[in-house]
Full PDB file with SEQRES, HELIX, SHEET, SSBOND, CRYST1, ORIGX, SCALE, CONECT and MASTER records, all heavy atoms in Angstrom:
SEQRES   1 A   42  ILE ARG HIS VAL THR GLY TRP ILE MET ARG ASN PRO GLU          
SEQRES   2 A   42  ASN LEU ASP ASP GLN ASP GLU GLN ARG LEU THR ALA ILE          
SEQRES   3 A   42  LEU ALA ARG CYS PRO GLU LEU GLU ALA THR ARG ARG HIS          
SEQRES   4 A   42  VAL GLY ALA                                                  
HELIX    1 AA1 ARG A    2  MET A    9  1                                   8    
HELIX    2 AA2 PRO A   12  ASN A   14  5                                   3    
HELIX    3 AA3 ASP A   17  ARG A   29  1                                  13    
HELIX    4 AA4 PRO A   31  GLY A   41  1                                  11    
CRYST1    1.000    1.000    1.000  90.00  90.00  90.00 P 1           1          
ORIGX1      1.000000  0.000000  0.000000        0.00000                         
ORIGX2      0.000000  1.000000  0.000000        0.00000                         
ORIGX3      0.000000  0.000000  1.000000        0.00000                         
SCALE1      1.000000  0.000000  0.000000        0.00000                         
SCALE2      0.000000  1.000000  0.000000        0.00000                         
SCALE3      0.000000  0.000000  1.000000        0.00000                         
ATOM      1  N   ILE A   1     -11.279  -1.396  -3.894  1.00  0.00           N  
ATOM      2  CA  ILE A   1     -10.945  -0.684  -2.655  1.00  0.00           C  
ATOM      3  C   ILE A   1     -10.526  -1.676  -1.566  1.00  0.00           C  
ATOM      4  O   ILE A   1      -9.601  -1.425  -0.792  1.00  0.00           O  
ATOM      5  CB  ILE A   1     -12.168   0.151  -2.189  1.00  0.00           C  
ATOM      6  CG1 ILE A   1     -12.438   1.251  -3.194  1.00  0.00           C  
ATOM      7  CG2 ILE A   1     -11.906   0.738  -0.812  1.00  0.00           C  
ATOM      8  CD1 ILE A   1     -13.682   2.071  -2.873  1.00  0.00           C  
ATOM      9  N   ARG A   2     -11.207  -2.825  -1.545  1.00  0.00           N  
ATOM     10  CA  ARG A   2     -10.862  -3.835  -0.542  1.00  0.00           C  
ATOM     11  C   ARG A   2      -9.433  -4.369  -0.736  1.00  0.00           C  
ATOM     12  O   ARG A   2      -8.709  -4.561   0.243  1.00  0.00           O  
ATOM     13  CB  ARG A   2     -11.858  -5.002  -0.622  1.00  0.00           C  
ATOM     14  CG  ARG A   2     -11.540  -6.131   0.339  1.00  0.00           C  
ATOM     15  CD  ARG A   2     -12.632  -7.187   0.322  1.00  0.00           C  
ATOM     16  NE  ARG A   2     -13.873  -6.662   0.824  1.00  0.00           N  
ATOM     17  CZ  ARG A   2     -14.983  -7.403   0.970  1.00  0.00           C  
ATOM     18  NH1 ARG A   2     -14.974  -8.667   0.619  1.00  0.00           N  
ATOM     19  NH2 ARG A   2     -16.091  -6.850   1.435  1.00  0.00           N  
ATOM     20  N   HIS A   3      -9.032  -4.554  -1.986  1.00  0.00           N  
ATOM     21  CA  HIS A   3      -7.676  -5.015  -2.268  1.00  0.00           C  
ATOM     22  C   HIS A   3      -6.649  -3.983  -1.786  1.00  0.00           C  
ATOM     23  O   HIS A   3      -5.653  -4.329  -1.131  1.00  0.00           O  
ATOM     24  CB  HIS A   3      -7.488  -5.280  -3.752  1.00  0.00           C  
ATOM     25  CG  HIS A   3      -8.095  -6.584  -4.200  1.00  0.00           C  
ATOM     26  ND1 HIS A   3      -8.729  -6.746  -5.398  1.00  0.00           N  
ATOM     27  CD2 HIS A   3      -8.169  -7.780  -3.591  1.00  0.00           C  
ATOM     28  CE1 HIS A   3      -9.163  -7.998  -5.530  1.00  0.00           C  
ATOM     29  NE2 HIS A   3      -8.829  -8.624  -4.423  1.00  0.00           N  
ATOM     30  N   VAL A   4      -6.866  -2.714  -2.168  1.00  0.00           N  
ATOM     31  CA  VAL A   4      -5.899  -1.681  -1.797  1.00  0.00           C  
ATOM     32  C   VAL A   4      -5.829  -1.524  -0.282  1.00  0.00           C  
ATOM     33  O   VAL A   4      -4.726  -1.372   0.282  1.00  0.00           O  
ATOM     34  CB  VAL A   4      -6.295  -0.324  -2.442  1.00  0.00           C  
ATOM     35  CG1 VAL A   4      -5.349   0.794  -2.014  1.00  0.00           C  
ATOM     36  CG2 VAL A   4      -6.256  -0.464  -3.976  1.00  0.00           C  
ATOM     37  N   THR A   5      -6.983  -1.593   0.370  1.00  0.00           N  
ATOM     38  CA  THR A   5      -6.990  -1.501   1.835  1.00  0.00           C  
ATOM     39  C   THR A   5      -6.213  -2.652   2.459  1.00  0.00           C  
ATOM     40  O   THR A   5      -5.444  -2.461   3.399  1.00  0.00           O  
ATOM     41  CB  THR A   5      -8.447  -1.506   2.367  1.00  0.00           C  
ATOM     42  OG1 THR A   5      -9.167  -0.420   1.784  1.00  0.00           O  
ATOM     43  CG2 THR A   5      -8.461  -1.384   3.869  1.00  0.00           C  
ATOM     44  N   GLY A   6      -6.410  -3.842   1.909  1.00  0.00           N  
ATOM     45  CA  GLY A   6      -5.667  -5.005   2.413  1.00  0.00           C  
ATOM     46  C   GLY A   6      -4.176  -4.858   2.232  1.00  0.00           C  
ATOM     47  O   GLY A   6      -3.389  -5.222   3.115  1.00  0.00           O  
ATOM     48  N   TRP A   7      -3.750  -4.317   1.089  1.00  0.00           N  
ATOM     49  CA  TRP A   7      -2.312  -4.115   0.861  1.00  0.00           C  
ATOM     50  C   TRP A   7      -1.734  -3.107   1.849  1.00  0.00           C  
ATOM     51  O   TRP A   7      -0.617  -3.275   2.327  1.00  0.00           O  
ATOM     52  CB  TRP A   7      -2.090  -3.619  -0.570  1.00  0.00           C  
ATOM     53  CG  TRP A   7      -2.480  -4.608  -1.616  1.00  0.00           C  
ATOM     54  CD1 TRP A   7      -2.628  -5.964  -1.462  1.00  0.00           C  
ATOM     55  CD2 TRP A   7      -2.813  -4.319  -2.986  1.00  0.00           C  
ATOM     56  NE1 TRP A   7      -3.043  -6.539  -2.641  1.00  0.00           N  
ATOM     57  CE2 TRP A   7      -3.152  -5.562  -3.602  1.00  0.00           C  
ATOM     58  CE3 TRP A   7      -2.850  -3.161  -3.734  1.00  0.00           C  
ATOM     59  CZ2 TRP A   7      -3.516  -5.657  -4.940  1.00  0.00           C  
ATOM     60  CZ3 TRP A   7      -3.206  -3.257  -5.092  1.00  0.00           C  
ATOM     61  CH2 TRP A   7      -3.531  -4.465  -5.669  1.00  0.00           C  
ATOM     62  N   ILE A   8      -2.501  -2.050   2.147  1.00  0.00           N  
ATOM     63  CA  ILE A   8      -2.019  -1.032   3.060  1.00  0.00           C  
ATOM     64  C   ILE A   8      -1.928  -1.575   4.485  1.00  0.00           C  
ATOM     65  O   ILE A   8      -0.971  -1.295   5.221  1.00  0.00           O  
ATOM     66  CB  ILE A   8      -2.928   0.213   3.005  1.00  0.00           C  
ATOM     67  CG1 ILE A   8      -2.776   0.918   1.663  1.00  0.00           C  
ATOM     68  CG2 ILE A   8      -2.617   1.182   4.153  1.00  0.00           C  
ATOM     69  CD1 ILE A   8      -3.741   2.061   1.479  1.00  0.00           C  
ATOM     70  N   MET A   9      -2.909  -2.354   4.889  1.00  0.00           N  
ATOM     71  CA  MET A   9      -2.956  -2.871   6.250  1.00  0.00           C  
ATOM     72  C   MET A   9      -1.983  -4.019   6.475  1.00  0.00           C  
ATOM     73  O   MET A   9      -1.599  -4.281   7.610  1.00  0.00           O  
ATOM     74  CB  MET A   9      -4.366  -3.337   6.563  1.00  0.00           C  
ATOM     75  CG  MET A   9      -5.440  -2.248   6.508  1.00  0.00           C  
ATOM     76  SD  MET A   9      -5.192  -0.958   7.751  1.00  0.00           S  
ATOM     77  CE  MET A   9      -5.540  -1.916   9.251  1.00  0.00           C  
ATOM     78  N   ARG A  10      -1.592  -4.697   5.429  1.00  0.00           N  
ATOM     79  CA  ARG A  10      -0.743  -5.856   5.574  1.00  0.00           C  
ATOM     80  C   ARG A  10       0.729  -5.439   5.777  1.00  0.00           C  
ATOM     81  O   ARG A  10       1.163  -4.389   5.334  1.00  0.00           O  
ATOM     82  CB  ARG A  10      -0.847  -6.727   4.323  1.00  0.00           C  
ATOM     83  CG  ARG A  10      -0.413  -8.170   4.477  1.00  0.00           C  
ATOM     84  CD  ARG A  10      -0.665  -8.946   3.208  1.00  0.00           C  
ATOM     85  NE  ARG A  10      -2.041  -8.763   2.755  1.00  0.00           N  
ATOM     86  CZ  ARG A  10      -2.470  -9.057   1.531  1.00  0.00           C  
ATOM     87  NH1 ARG A  10      -1.612  -9.475   0.625  1.00  0.00           N  
ATOM     88  NH2 ARG A  10      -3.744  -8.898   1.220  1.00  0.00           N  
ATOM     89  N   ASN A  11       1.451  -6.335   6.444  1.00  0.00           N  
ATOM     90  CA  ASN A  11       2.893  -6.119   6.603  1.00  0.00           C  
ATOM     91  C   ASN A  11       3.542  -6.140   5.217  1.00  0.00           C  
ATOM     92  O   ASN A  11       3.354  -7.080   4.456  1.00  0.00           O  
ATOM     93  CB  ASN A  11       3.474  -7.249   7.479  1.00  0.00           C  
ATOM     94  CG  ASN A  11       4.934  -7.012   7.824  1.00  0.00           C  
ATOM     95  OD1 ASN A  11       5.667  -6.348   7.090  1.00  0.00           O  
ATOM     96  ND2 ASN A  11       5.356  -7.552   8.955  1.00  0.00           N  
ATOM     97  N   PRO A  12       4.297  -5.094   4.858  1.00  0.00           N  
ATOM     98  CA  PRO A  12       4.928  -5.049   3.513  1.00  0.00           C  
ATOM     99  C   PRO A  12       5.733  -6.298   3.183  1.00  0.00           C  
ATOM    100  O   PRO A  12       5.849  -6.674   2.006  1.00  0.00           O  
ATOM    101  CB  PRO A  12       5.805  -3.801   3.563  1.00  0.00           C  
ATOM    102  CG  PRO A  12       5.160  -2.934   4.619  1.00  0.00           C  
ATOM    103  CD  PRO A  12       4.601  -3.886   5.647  1.00  0.00           C  
ATOM    104  N   GLU A  13       6.301  -6.930   4.201  1.00  0.00           N  
ATOM    105  CA  GLU A  13       7.113  -8.121   3.951  1.00  0.00           C  
ATOM    106  C   GLU A  13       6.238  -9.310   3.484  1.00  0.00           C  
ATOM    107  O   GLU A  13       6.783 -10.272   2.923  1.00  0.00           O  
ATOM    108  CB  GLU A  13       7.891  -8.501   5.220  1.00  0.00           C  
ATOM    109  CG  GLU A  13       8.885  -7.439   5.654  1.00  0.00           C  
ATOM    110  CD  GLU A  13       9.603  -7.849   6.937  1.00  0.00           C  
ATOM    111  OE1 GLU A  13       9.275  -8.939   7.466  1.00  0.00           O  
ATOM    112  OE2 GLU A  13      10.473  -7.078   7.398  1.00  0.00           O  
ATOM    113  N   ASN A  14       4.935  -9.230   3.752  1.00  0.00           N  
ATOM    114  CA  ASN A  14       4.049 -10.338   3.355  1.00  0.00           C  
ATOM    115  C   ASN A  14       3.364 -10.122   2.013  1.00  0.00           C  
ATOM    116  O   ASN A  14       2.560 -10.941   1.606  1.00  0.00           O  
ATOM    117  CB  ASN A  14       2.977 -10.540   4.439  1.00  0.00           C  
ATOM    118  CG  ASN A  14       3.571 -10.958   5.778  1.00  0.00           C  
ATOM    119  OD1 ASN A  14       4.623 -11.572   5.811  1.00  0.00           O  
ATOM    120  ND2 ASN A  14       2.898 -10.604   6.874  1.00  0.00           N  
ATOM    121  N   LEU A  15       3.672  -9.007   1.336  1.00  0.00           N  
ATOM    122  CA  LEU A  15       3.099  -8.753   0.025  1.00  0.00           C  
ATOM    123  C   LEU A  15       3.932  -9.450  -1.038  1.00  0.00           C  
ATOM    124  O   LEU A  15       5.168  -9.422  -1.010  1.00  0.00           O  
ATOM    125  CB  LEU A  15       3.074  -7.257  -0.271  1.00  0.00           C  
ATOM    126  CG  LEU A  15       2.033  -6.399   0.450  1.00  0.00           C  
ATOM    127  CD1 LEU A  15       2.235  -4.930   0.118  1.00  0.00           C  
ATOM    128  CD2 LEU A  15       0.624  -6.838   0.088  1.00  0.00           C  
ATOM    129  N   ASP A  16       3.273 -10.087  -2.001  1.00  0.00           N  
ATOM    130  CA  ASP A  16       4.030 -10.673  -3.111  1.00  0.00           C  
ATOM    131  C   ASP A  16       4.480  -9.536  -4.053  1.00  0.00           C  
ATOM    132  O   ASP A  16       4.040  -8.393  -3.951  1.00  0.00           O  
ATOM    133  CB  ASP A  16       3.219 -11.717  -3.860  1.00  0.00           C  
ATOM    134  CG  ASP A  16       1.916 -11.188  -4.454  1.00  0.00           C  
ATOM    135  OD1 ASP A  16       1.922 -10.062  -4.969  1.00  0.00           O  
ATOM    136  OD2 ASP A  16       0.911 -11.898  -4.378  1.00  0.00           O  
ATOM    137  N   ASP A  17       5.367  -9.872  -4.972  1.00  0.00           N  
ATOM    138  CA  ASP A  17       5.948  -8.850  -5.830  1.00  0.00           C  
ATOM    139  C   ASP A  17       4.924  -8.113  -6.667  1.00  0.00           C  
ATOM    140  O   ASP A  17       5.006  -6.884  -6.841  1.00  0.00           O  
ATOM    141  CB  ASP A  17       6.996  -9.498  -6.759  1.00  0.00           C  
ATOM    142  CG  ASP A  17       8.198 -10.032  -5.979  1.00  0.00           C  
ATOM    143  OD1 ASP A  17       8.398  -9.567  -4.855  1.00  0.00           O  
ATOM    144  OD2 ASP A  17       8.906 -10.913  -6.520  1.00  0.00           O  
ATOM    145  N   GLN A  18       3.946  -8.821  -7.190  1.00  0.00           N  
ATOM    146  CA  GLN A  18       2.947  -8.189  -8.050  1.00  0.00           C  
ATOM    147  C   GLN A  18       2.091  -7.194  -7.270  1.00  0.00           C  
ATOM    148  O   GLN A  18       1.865  -6.055  -7.710  1.00  0.00           O  
ATOM    149  CB  GLN A  18       2.045  -9.241  -8.693  1.00  0.00           C  
ATOM    150  CG  GLN A  18       1.011  -8.667  -9.645  1.00  0.00           C  
ATOM    151  CD  GLN A  18       0.141  -9.724 -10.290  1.00  0.00           C  
ATOM    152  OE1 GLN A  18       0.255 -10.903  -9.966  1.00  0.00           O  
ATOM    153  NE2 GLN A  18      -0.726  -9.327 -11.196  1.00  0.00           N  
ATOM    154  N   ASP A  19       1.637  -7.597  -6.089  1.00  0.00           N  
ATOM    155  CA  ASP A  19       0.824  -6.683  -5.269  1.00  0.00           C  
ATOM    156  C   ASP A  19       1.646  -5.485  -4.816  1.00  0.00           C  
ATOM    157  O   ASP A  19       1.140  -4.358  -4.754  1.00  0.00           O  
ATOM    158  CB  ASP A  19       0.266  -7.425  -4.045  1.00  0.00           C  
ATOM    159  CG  ASP A  19      -0.800  -8.427  -4.415  1.00  0.00           C  
ATOM    160  OD1 ASP A  19      -1.328  -8.348  -5.536  1.00  0.00           O  
ATOM    161  OD2 ASP A  19      -1.106  -9.301  -3.580  1.00  0.00           O  
ATOM    162  N   GLU A  20       2.913  -5.696  -4.492  1.00  0.00           N  
ATOM    163  CA  GLU A  20       3.777  -4.597  -4.070  1.00  0.00           C  
ATOM    164  C   GLU A  20       3.976  -3.586  -5.197  1.00  0.00           C  
ATOM    165  O   GLU A  20       3.936  -2.370  -4.986  1.00  0.00           O  
ATOM    166  CB  GLU A  20       5.130  -5.154  -3.626  1.00  0.00           C  
ATOM    167  CG  GLU A  20       6.124  -4.086  -3.172  1.00  0.00           C  
ATOM    168  CD  GLU A  20       5.658  -3.336  -1.931  1.00  0.00           C  
ATOM    169  OE1 GLU A  20       5.016  -3.957  -1.063  1.00  0.00           O  
ATOM    170  OE2 GLU A  20       5.944  -2.129  -1.847  1.00  0.00           O  
ATOM    171  N   GLN A  21       4.134  -4.092  -6.429  1.00  0.00           N  
ATOM    172  CA  GLN A  21       4.303  -3.207  -7.577  1.00  0.00           C  
ATOM    173  C   GLN A  21       3.044  -2.395  -7.834  1.00  0.00           C  
ATOM    174  O   GLN A  21       3.101  -1.192  -8.117  1.00  0.00           O  
ATOM    175  CB  GLN A  21       4.702  -4.011  -8.809  1.00  0.00           C  
ATOM    176  CG  GLN A  21       6.082  -4.630  -8.736  1.00  0.00           C  
ATOM    177  CD  GLN A  21       6.357  -5.556  -9.909  1.00  0.00           C  
ATOM    178  OE1 GLN A  21       5.526  -5.713 -10.797  1.00  0.00           O  
ATOM    179  NE2 GLN A  21       7.512  -6.191  -9.908  1.00  0.00           N  
ATOM    180  N   ARG A  22       1.876  -3.053  -7.749  1.00  0.00           N  
ATOM    181  CA  ARG A  22       0.606  -2.338  -7.985  1.00  0.00           C  
ATOM    182  C   ARG A  22       0.368  -1.294  -6.920  1.00  0.00           C  
ATOM    183  O   ARG A  22      -0.083  -0.179  -7.215  1.00  0.00           O  
ATOM    184  CB  ARG A  22      -0.547  -3.347  -8.062  1.00  0.00           C  
ATOM    185  CG  ARG A  22      -0.415  -4.357  -9.180  1.00  0.00           C  
ATOM    186  CD  ARG A  22      -1.596  -5.298  -9.236  1.00  0.00           C  
ATOM    187  NE  ARG A  22      -2.776  -4.650  -9.767  1.00  0.00           N  
ATOM    188  CZ  ARG A  22      -3.965  -5.227  -9.869  1.00  0.00           C  
ATOM    189  NH1 ARG A  22      -4.111  -6.485  -9.442  1.00  0.00           N  
ATOM    190  NH2 ARG A  22      -4.997  -4.579 -10.377  1.00  0.00           N  
ATOM    191  N   LEU A  23       0.670  -1.643  -5.669  1.00  0.00           N  
ATOM    192  CA  LEU A  23       0.476  -0.672  -4.606  1.00  0.00           C  
ATOM    193  C   LEU A  23       1.419   0.503  -4.736  1.00  0.00           C  
ATOM    194  O   LEU A  23       1.046   1.650  -4.530  1.00  0.00           O  
ATOM    195  CB  LEU A  23       0.668  -1.356  -3.237  1.00  0.00           C  
ATOM    196  CG  LEU A  23       0.536  -0.439  -2.026  1.00  0.00           C  
ATOM    197  CD1 LEU A  23      -0.855   0.187  -1.980  1.00  0.00           C  
ATOM    198  CD2 LEU A  23       0.800  -1.214  -0.742  1.00  0.00           C  
ATOM    199  N   THR A  24       2.666   0.241  -5.124  1.00  0.00           N  
ATOM    200  CA  THR A  24       3.654   1.306  -5.304  1.00  0.00           C  
ATOM    201  C   THR A  24       3.166   2.287  -6.378  1.00  0.00           C  
ATOM    202  O   THR A  24       3.312   3.494  -6.247  1.00  0.00           O  
ATOM    203  CB  THR A  24       5.012   0.710  -5.670  1.00  0.00           C  
ATOM    204  OG1 THR A  24       5.469  -0.151  -4.622  1.00  0.00           O  
ATOM    205  CG2 THR A  24       6.036   1.831  -5.883  1.00  0.00           C  
ATOM    206  N   ALA A  25       2.610   1.733  -7.474  1.00  0.00           N  
ATOM    207  CA  ALA A  25       2.121   2.574  -8.556  1.00  0.00           C  
ATOM    208  C   ALA A  25       0.950   3.445  -8.092  1.00  0.00           C  
ATOM    209  O   ALA A  25       0.836   4.633  -8.436  1.00  0.00           O  
ATOM    210  CB  ALA A  25       1.702   1.717  -9.749  1.00  0.00           C  
ATOM    211  N   ILE A  26       0.084   2.869  -7.259  1.00  0.00           N  
ATOM    212  CA  ILE A  26      -1.066   3.622  -6.733  1.00  0.00           C  
ATOM    213  C   ILE A  26      -0.622   4.734  -5.809  1.00  0.00           C  
ATOM    214  O   ILE A  26      -1.059   5.873  -5.891  1.00  0.00           O  
ATOM    215  CB  ILE A  26      -2.036   2.668  -6.022  1.00  0.00           C  
ATOM    216  CG1 ILE A  26      -2.693   1.726  -7.042  1.00  0.00           C  
ATOM    217  CG2 ILE A  26      -3.110   3.454  -5.277  1.00  0.00           C  
ATOM    218  CD1 ILE A  26      -3.505   0.622  -6.400  1.00  0.00           C  
ATOM    219  N   LEU A  27       0.298   4.400  -4.892  1.00  0.00           N  
ATOM    220  CA  LEU A  27       0.788   5.388  -3.925  1.00  0.00           C  
ATOM    221  C   LEU A  27       1.533   6.518  -4.605  1.00  0.00           C  
ATOM    222  O   LEU A  27       1.483   7.657  -4.135  1.00  0.00           O  
ATOM    223  CB  LEU A  27       1.669   4.703  -2.895  1.00  0.00           C  
ATOM    224  CG  LEU A  27       1.041   3.603  -2.035  1.00  0.00           C  
ATOM    225  CD1 LEU A  27       2.043   3.069  -1.027  1.00  0.00           C  
ATOM    226  CD2 LEU A  27      -0.185   4.148  -1.297  1.00  0.00           C  
ATOM    227  N   ALA A  28       2.196   6.226  -5.713  1.00  0.00           N  
ATOM    228  CA  ALA A  28       2.951   7.265  -6.432  1.00  0.00           C  
ATOM    229  C   ALA A  28       1.997   8.298  -7.024  1.00  0.00           C  
ATOM    230  O   ALA A  28       2.385   9.462  -7.239  1.00  0.00           O  
ATOM    231  CB  ALA A  28       3.795   6.630  -7.530  1.00  0.00           C  
ATOM    232  N   ARG A  29       0.763   7.907  -7.263  1.00  0.00           N  
ATOM    233  CA  ARG A  29      -0.229   8.829  -7.877  1.00  0.00           C  
ATOM    234  C   ARG A  29      -1.109   9.509  -6.849  1.00  0.00           C  
ATOM    235  O   ARG A  29      -1.894  10.380  -7.186  1.00  0.00           O  
ATOM    236  CB  ARG A  29      -1.092   8.055  -8.873  1.00  0.00           C  
ATOM    237  CG  ARG A  29      -0.312   7.407 -10.002  1.00  0.00           C  
ATOM    238  CD  ARG A  29      -1.188   6.646 -10.947  1.00  0.00           C  
ATOM    239  NE  ARG A  29      -2.147   7.499 -11.621  1.00  0.00           N  
ATOM    240  CZ  ARG A  29      -3.008   7.076 -12.542  1.00  0.00           C  
ATOM    241  NH1 ARG A  29      -3.033   5.792 -12.867  1.00  0.00           N  
ATOM    242  NH2 ARG A  29      -3.853   7.922 -13.122  1.00  0.00           N  
ATOM    243  N   CYS A  30      -0.973   9.111  -5.587  1.00  0.00           N  
ATOM    244  CA  CYS A  30      -1.838   9.696  -4.541  1.00  0.00           C  
ATOM    245  C   CYS A  30      -1.010   9.926  -3.275  1.00  0.00           C  
ATOM    246  O   CYS A  30      -0.852   9.020  -2.464  1.00  0.00           O  
ATOM    247  CB  CYS A  30      -3.019   8.759  -4.266  1.00  0.00           C  
ATOM    248  SG  CYS A  30      -4.188   9.393  -3.033  1.00  0.00           S  
ATOM    249  N   PRO A  31      -0.494  11.135  -3.091  1.00  0.00           N  
ATOM    250  CA  PRO A  31       0.320  11.429  -1.886  1.00  0.00           C  
ATOM    251  C   PRO A  31      -0.438  11.194  -0.584  1.00  0.00           C  
ATOM    252  O   PRO A  31       0.147  10.758   0.415  1.00  0.00           O  
ATOM    253  CB  PRO A  31       0.673  12.915  -2.060  1.00  0.00           C  
ATOM    254  CG  PRO A  31       0.519  13.170  -3.531  1.00  0.00           C  
ATOM    255  CD  PRO A  31      -0.590  12.296  -4.004  1.00  0.00           C  
ATOM    256  N   GLU A  32      -1.768  11.483  -0.582  1.00  0.00           N  
ATOM    257  CA  GLU A  32      -2.553  11.273   0.645  1.00  0.00           C  
ATOM    258  C   GLU A  32      -2.586   9.790   1.011  1.00  0.00           C  
ATOM    259  O   GLU A  32      -2.483   9.443   2.206  1.00  0.00           O  
ATOM    260  CB  GLU A  32      -3.979  11.777   0.455  1.00  0.00           C  
ATOM    261  CG  GLU A  32      -4.085  13.299   0.311  1.00  0.00           C  
ATOM    262  CD  GLU A  32      -3.781  13.778  -1.089  1.00  0.00           C  
ATOM    263  OE1 GLU A  32      -3.581  12.901  -1.980  1.00  0.00           O  
ATOM    264  OE2 GLU A  32      -3.775  15.014  -1.315  1.00  0.00           O  
ATOM    265  N   LEU A  33      -2.732   8.922   0.028  1.00  0.00           N  
ATOM    266  CA  LEU A  33      -2.758   7.493   0.292  1.00  0.00           C  
ATOM    267  C   LEU A  33      -1.384   6.997   0.752  1.00  0.00           C  
ATOM    268  O   LEU A  33      -1.286   6.110   1.618  1.00  0.00           O  
ATOM    269  CB  LEU A  33      -3.213   6.740  -0.952  1.00  0.00           C  
ATOM    270  CG  LEU A  33      -3.823   5.363  -0.743  1.00  0.00           C  
ATOM    271  CD1 LEU A  33      -5.008   5.427   0.210  1.00  0.00           C  
ATOM    272  CD2 LEU A  33      -4.277   4.749  -2.072  1.00  0.00           C  
ATOM    273  N   GLU A  34      -0.339   7.570   0.175  1.00  0.00           N  
ATOM    274  CA  GLU A  34       1.010   7.195   0.603  1.00  0.00           C  
ATOM    275  C   GLU A  34       1.253   7.587   2.051  1.00  0.00           C  
ATOM    276  O   GLU A  34       1.829   6.807   2.815  1.00  0.00           O  
ATOM    277  CB  GLU A  34       2.026   7.874  -0.327  1.00  0.00           C  
ATOM    278  CG  GLU A  34       3.448   7.316  -0.218  1.00  0.00           C  
ATOM    279  CD  GLU A  34       4.208   7.849   0.994  1.00  0.00           C  
ATOM    280  OE1 GLU A  34       3.909   9.007   1.395  1.00  0.00           O  
ATOM    281  OE2 GLU A  34       5.055   7.115   1.527  1.00  0.00           O  
ATOM    282  N   ALA A  35       0.754   8.771   2.443  1.00  0.00           N  
ATOM    283  CA  ALA A  35       0.890   9.206   3.819  1.00  0.00           C  
ATOM    284  C   ALA A  35       0.072   8.302   4.753  1.00  0.00           C  
ATOM    285  O   ALA A  35       0.493   7.972   5.859  1.00  0.00           O  
ATOM    286  CB  ALA A  35       0.448  10.655   3.975  1.00  0.00           C  
ATOM    287  N   THR A  36      -1.088   7.910   4.294  1.00  0.00           N  
ATOM    288  CA  THR A  36      -1.948   7.014   5.082  1.00  0.00           C  
ATOM    289  C   THR A  36      -1.228   5.705   5.344  1.00  0.00           C  
ATOM    290  O   THR A  36      -1.222   5.180   6.483  1.00  0.00           O  
ATOM    291  CB  THR A  36      -3.258   6.735   4.374  1.00  0.00           C  
ATOM    292  OG1 THR A  36      -3.965   7.971   4.200  1.00  0.00           O  
ATOM    293  CG2 THR A  36      -4.124   5.778   5.153  1.00  0.00           C  
ATOM    294  N   ARG A  37      -0.593   5.136   4.316  1.00  0.00           N  
ATOM    295  CA  ARG A  37       0.103   3.880   4.525  1.00  0.00           C  
ATOM    296  C   ARG A  37       1.259   4.043   5.501  1.00  0.00           C  
ATOM    297  O   ARG A  37       1.505   3.170   6.336  1.00  0.00           O  
ATOM    298  CB  ARG A  37       0.634   3.346   3.187  1.00  0.00           C  
ATOM    299  CG  ARG A  37       1.172   1.929   3.311  1.00  0.00           C  
ATOM    300  CD  ARG A  37       2.092   1.550   2.200  1.00  0.00           C  
ATOM    301  NE  ARG A  37       2.379   0.106   2.253  1.00  0.00           N  
ATOM    302  CZ  ARG A  37       3.346  -0.477   1.578  1.00  0.00           C  
ATOM    303  NH1 ARG A  37       4.141   0.245   0.800  1.00  0.00           N  
ATOM    304  NH2 ARG A  37       3.541  -1.769   1.680  1.00  0.00           N  
ATOM    305  N   ARG A  38       1.947   5.146   5.425  1.00  0.00           N  
ATOM    306  CA  ARG A  38       3.074   5.401   6.338  1.00  0.00           C  
ATOM    307  C   ARG A  38       2.607   5.473   7.784  1.00  0.00           C  
ATOM    308  O   ARG A  38       3.202   4.868   8.678  1.00  0.00           O  
ATOM    309  CB  ARG A  38       3.792   6.685   5.920  1.00  0.00           C  
ATOM    310  CG  ARG A  38       5.041   6.985   6.718  1.00  0.00           C  
ATOM    311  CD  ARG A  38       5.785   8.186   6.177  1.00  0.00           C  
ATOM    312  NE  ARG A  38       5.025   9.425   6.311  1.00  0.00           N  
ATOM    313  CZ  ARG A  38       4.434  10.060   5.332  1.00  0.00           C  
ATOM    314  NH1 ARG A  38       4.487   9.556   4.103  1.00  0.00           N  
ATOM    315  NH2 ARG A  38       3.768  11.184   5.541  1.00  0.00           N  
ATOM    316  N   HIS A  39       1.509   6.177   8.021  1.00  0.00           N  
ATOM    317  CA  HIS A  39       0.988   6.310   9.393  1.00  0.00           C  
ATOM    318  C   HIS A  39       0.424   4.984   9.884  1.00  0.00           C  
ATOM    319  O   HIS A  39       0.592   4.636  11.054  1.00  0.00           O  
ATOM    320  CB  HIS A  39      -0.073   7.396   9.430  1.00  0.00           C  
ATOM    321  CG  HIS A  39       0.442   8.776   9.158  1.00  0.00           C  
ATOM    322  ND1 HIS A  39       1.571   9.278   9.769  1.00  0.00           N  
ATOM    323  CD2 HIS A  39      -0.023   9.756   8.344  1.00  0.00           C  
ATOM    324  CE1 HIS A  39       1.788  10.517   9.362  1.00  0.00           C  
ATOM    325  NE2 HIS A  39       0.845  10.815   8.492  1.00  0.00           N  
ATOM    326  N   VAL A  40      -0.258   4.265   9.025  1.00  0.00           N  
ATOM    327  CA  VAL A  40      -0.820   2.960   9.440  1.00  0.00           C  
ATOM    328  C   VAL A  40       0.302   1.987   9.790  1.00  0.00           C  
ATOM    329  O   VAL A  40       0.231   1.257  10.792  1.00  0.00           O  
ATOM    330  CB  VAL A  40      -1.706   2.385   8.298  1.00  0.00           C  
ATOM    331  CG1 VAL A  40      -2.052   0.923   8.584  1.00  0.00           C  
ATOM    332  CG2 VAL A  40      -2.978   3.196   8.160  1.00  0.00           C  
ATOM    333  N   GLY A  41       1.371   2.018   8.990  1.00  0.00           N  
ATOM    334  CA  GLY A  41       2.502   1.138   9.290  1.00  0.00           C  
ATOM    335  C   GLY A  41       3.167   1.487  10.599  1.00  0.00           C  
ATOM    336  O   GLY A  41       3.528   0.593  11.388  1.00  0.00           O  
ATOM    337  N   ALA A  42       3.284   2.785  10.891  1.00  0.00           N  
ATOM    338  CA  ALA A  42       3.889   3.205  12.146  1.00  0.00           C  
ATOM    339  C   ALA A  42       3.041   2.781  13.342  1.00  0.00           C  
ATOM    340  O   ALA A  42       3.552   2.360  14.386  1.00  0.00           O  
ATOM    341  CB  ALA A  42       4.105   4.730  12.143  1.00  0.00           C  
TER     342      ALA A  42                                                      
MASTER        0    0    0    4    0    0    0    6  341    1    0    4          
END                                                                             
């Protein structure tokens, strides 16, 4: 949970390719989490 939270809170430009791919896969399976990342980024 700590890793996923860190990926969501971090600037997407600062994520390495592997973390970005893992986060994308997680967000694709959870619309609520994808919406959370969008609002947090805004």
